[in-house]
Amino acid sequence: MIKAIGARHFIAPLSAAIMMAGIFSTQAQEISEAHLAAARSAIAAIGATDEFDEILPRAAMVLKSELIQKDPDLEQLINKTVDDKAIALAARRGDLETEAARAYANSFSESDLKAIANFYNSEPGKKLITEGPIVTREVIRAATIWQNGIARDLAVSVGEALEAEVGSASPATQETAPAQ
């Protein structure tokens, strides 16, 4: 019994270690520079990280506001210090680009990434990026109208079918039906 418990205590950590080694080995897989370059090109073409451009300026603005509210006499010093530190941190934006490139490179082949970049750098690709959100909003609006119409028509159709099947046999319907 003691040997069985000991073996279980040994197998669980060993299994976890083997599983973790597998995870880390897939994460550590080498991605060629050409593959990363293709990923960066695709990211730039689709603007995959553009929405994150405002993170640092927003954080700086919020921090300035909080600090100035606590000590309004130091407003000028706070503004200068926060701006200087934010500018120093701006260089770290490249870290996000690198991680995004790795994520794309892990999901797409180098040739896929080149094709994505080529399409989104073309006129139709650029138009899809600018017009896509408008088209999506219109499709959602059309789907909502369609959904409401389908639900209404289904309710009417089911109501009519139920009335035809049960309506004449239902005592409640006979009582409320007008006399002819």
Protein backbone atom coordinates (compact mmCIF):
# COMPACT_ATOMS: atom_id res chain seq x y z
CA MET A 1 0.00 0.00 0.00
CA ILE A 2 2.77 2.43 0.89
CA LYS A 3 4.56 1.58 -2.37
CA ALA A 4 1.38 2.31 -4.37
CA ILE A 5 0.95 5.70 -2.73
CA GLY A 6 4.62 6.47 -3.31
CA ALA A 7 4.33 5.52 -6.98
CA ARG A 8 1.29 7.78 -7.41
CA HIS A 9 3.17 10.66 -5.86
CA PHE A 10 6.02 10.03 -8.29
CA ILE A 11 3.86 9.55 -11.43
CA ALA A 12 1.81 12.75 -11.07
CA PRO A 13 4.81 15.13 -10.97
CA LEU A 14 6.54 13.14 -13.70
CA SER A 15 3.43 13.38 -15.92
CA ALA A 16 3.19 17.10 -15.27
CA ALA A 17 6.87 17.57 -16.10
CA ILE A 18 6.52 15.62 -19.36
CA MET A 19 3.43 17.64 -20.31
CA MET A 20 5.15 20.95 -19.51
CA ALA A 21 8.22 19.92 -21.51
CA GLY A 22 5.97 19.30 -24.49
CA ILE A 23 4.31 22.68 -24.12
CA PHE A 24 7.62 24.53 -23.79
CA SER A 25 9.18 22.66 -26.70
CA THR A 26 6.34 23.70 -29.02
CA GLN A 27 6.59 27.28 -27.77
CA ALA A 28 10.34 27.25 -28.25
CA GLN A 29 10.09 26.05 -31.83
CA GLU A 30 12.25 28.16 -34.04
CA ILE A 31 10.61 30.51 -36.49
CA SER A 32 12.82 31.70 -39.31
CA GLU A 33 13.53 35.39 -39.77
CA ALA A 34 11.85 35.23 -43.19
CA HIS A 35 8.72 33.76 -41.59
CA LEU A 36 8.71 36.51 -38.91
CA ALA A 37 9.25 39.15 -41.61
CA ALA A 38 6.25 37.79 -43.51
CA ALA A 39 4.23 37.89 -40.28
CA ARG A 40 5.26 41.50 -39.62
CA SER A 41 4.29 42.42 -43.16
CA ALA A 42 0.87 40.81 -42.78
CA ILE A 43 0.36 42.50 -39.40
CA ALA A 44 1.20 45.87 -40.91
CA ALA A 45 -1.06 45.27 -43.91
CA ILE A 46 -4.11 44.38 -41.81
CA GLY A 47 -3.34 46.81 -39.00
CA ALA A 48 -3.55 43.96 -36.48
CA THR A 49 -1.93 45.93 -33.67
CA ASP A 50 -3.10 49.44 -34.58
CA GLU A 51 -5.81 49.39 -31.95
CA PHE A 52 -3.12 49.16 -29.27
CA ASP A 53 -1.40 52.40 -30.30
CA GLU A 54 -3.39 54.41 -27.78
CA ILE A 55 -2.61 52.26 -24.73
CA LEU A 56 0.46 54.18 -23.59
CA PRO A 57 -0.94 57.69 -24.29
CA ARG A 58 -4.17 56.79 -22.45
CA ALA A 59 -2.26 55.35 -19.51
CA ALA A 60 -0.14 58.52 -19.36
CA MET A 61 -3.22 60.74 -19.50
CA VAL A 62 -4.96 58.81 -16.72
CA LEU A 63 -1.83 58.84 -14.57
CA LYS A 64 -1.38 62.59 -15.08
CA SER A 65 -4.97 63.20 -14.10
CA GLU A 66 -4.72 61.09 -10.95
CA LEU A 67 -1.43 62.63 -9.84
CA ILE A 68 -2.51 66.21 -10.55
CA GLN A 69 -5.76 65.63 -8.67
CA LYS A 70 -3.75 64.50 -5.64
CA ASP A 71 -1.23 67.34 -5.87
CA PRO A 72 -2.33 70.20 -8.17
CA ASP A 73 0.70 72.31 -7.24
CA LEU A 74 2.97 69.86 -9.08
CA GLU A 75 1.02 69.88 -12.36
CA GLN A 76 3.89 71.12 -14.51
CA LEU A 77 6.39 68.68 -12.99
CA ILE A 78 3.91 65.81 -13.21
CA ASN A 79 3.17 66.52 -16.89
CA LYS A 80 6.85 66.68 -17.79
CA THR A 81 7.79 63.59 -15.77
CA VAL A 82 4.94 61.45 -17.08
CA ASP A 83 5.61 62.56 -20.67
CA ASP A 84 9.34 61.80 -20.36
CA LYS A 85 8.71 58.37 -18.86
CA ALA A 86 6.02 57.56 -21.42
CA ILE A 87 8.36 58.48 -24.28
CA ALA A 88 11.01 56.22 -22.76
CA LEU A 89 8.50 53.36 -22.63
CA ALA A 90 7.35 53.90 -26.23
CA ALA A 91 10.31 51.86 -27.45
CA ARG A 92 8.68 48.82 -25.89
CA ARG A 93 5.94 48.96 -28.54
CA GLY A 94 8.23 46.79 -30.64
CA ASP A 95 7.83 44.01 -28.08
CA LEU A 96 4.14 43.83 -28.92
CA GLU A 97 4.92 43.69 -32.63
CA THR A 98 7.37 40.84 -32.04
CA GLU A 99 4.88 38.84 -29.99
CA ALA A 100 2.13 39.48 -32.53
CA ALA A 101 4.46 38.35 -35.33
CA ARG A 102 5.23 35.16 -33.42
CA ALA A 103 1.52 34.50 -32.88
CA TYR A 104 0.79 34.96 -36.58
CA ALA A 105 3.85 32.90 -37.58
CA ASN A 106 2.68 30.06 -35.31
CA SER A 107 -0.76 30.09 -36.96
CA PHE A 108 0.09 30.77 -40.61
CA SER A 109 2.76 29.51 -42.96
CA GLU A 110 5.21 31.96 -44.45
CA SER A 111 3.51 31.69 -47.85
CA ASP A 112 0.08 32.29 -46.28
CA LEU A 113 1.38 35.41 -44.54
CA LYS A 114 2.85 36.71 -47.78
CA ALA A 115 -0.47 36.12 -49.55
CA ILE A 116 -2.34 37.91 -46.73
CA ALA A 117 0.02 40.88 -46.92
CA ASN A 118 -0.22 40.99 -50.72
CA PHE A 119 -4.02 40.98 -50.62
CA TYR A 120 -4.38 43.60 -47.89
CA ASN A 121 -1.80 45.84 -49.59
CA SER A 122 -3.79 45.64 -52.84
CA GLU A 123 -6.57 48.11 -53.63
CA PRO A 124 -9.36 45.57 -52.91
CA GLY A 125 -7.66 44.64 -49.62
CA LYS A 126 -7.33 48.28 -48.57
CA LYS A 127 -10.97 48.84 -49.49
CA LEU A 128 -12.00 45.80 -47.44
CA ILE A 129 -10.23 47.27 -44.42
CA THR A 130 -11.87 50.69 -44.78
CA GLU A 131 -15.33 49.58 -45.95
CA GLY A 132 -15.54 46.26 -44.08
CA PRO A 133 -16.84 47.71 -40.80
CA ILE A 134 -19.54 49.66 -42.64
CA VAL A 135 -20.60 46.58 -44.60
CA THR A 136 -20.60 44.49 -41.42
CA ARG A 137 -22.83 47.02 -39.68
CA GLU A 138 -25.26 46.94 -42.62
CA VAL A 139 -25.29 43.14 -42.70
CA ILE A 140 -26.04 43.04 -38.95
CA ARG A 141 -28.85 45.56 -39.46
CA ALA A 142 -30.28 43.48 -42.33
CA ALA A 143 -29.98 40.29 -40.26
CA THR A 144 -31.86 41.92 -37.37
CA ILE A 145 -34.70 43.00 -39.66
CA TRP A 146 -34.74 39.54 -41.26
CA GLN A 147 -34.74 37.86 -37.83
CA ASN A 148 -37.70 39.96 -36.66
CA GLY A 149 -39.62 39.17 -39.85
CA ILE A 150 -38.92 35.46 -39.62
CA ALA A 151 -39.98 35.36 -35.94
CA ARG A 152 -43.17 37.29 -36.73
CA ASP A 153 -44.02 35.11 -39.74
CA LEU A 154 -43.31 31.93 -37.77
CA ALA A 155 -45.59 33.06 -34.93
CA VAL A 156 -48.40 33.96 -37.36
CA SER A 157 -48.01 30.72 -39.32
CA VAL A 158 -47.98 28.57 -36.17
CA GLY A 159 -50.95 30.48 -34.76
CA GLU A 160 -52.95 29.93 -37.93
CA ALA A 161 -52.02 26.23 -38.06
CA LEU A 162 -52.95 25.70 -34.42
CA GLU A 163 -56.22 27.58 -34.91
CA ALA A 164 -57.05 25.40 -37.91
CA GLU A 165 -56.26 22.18 -36.04
CA VAL A 166 -57.70 22.94 -32.61
CA GLY A 167 -59.74 26.07 -33.08
CA SER A 168 -63.01 24.56 -34.22
CA ALA A 169 -62.85 21.78 -31.61
CA SER A 170 -61.89 24.06 -28.74
CA PRO A 171 -64.76 24.96 -26.41
CA ALA A 172 -63.15 28.33 -25.65
CA THR A 173 -63.10 29.15 -29.36
CA GLN A 174 -66.73 28.14 -29.78
CA GLU A 175 -67.83 30.33 -26.87
CA THR A 176 -66.04 33.41 -28.18
CA ALA A 177 -66.92 32.90 -31.83
CA PRO A 178 -69.57 35.35 -33.06
CA ALA A 179 -72.99 33.90 -33.87
CA GLN A 180 -73.79 33.62 -37.54
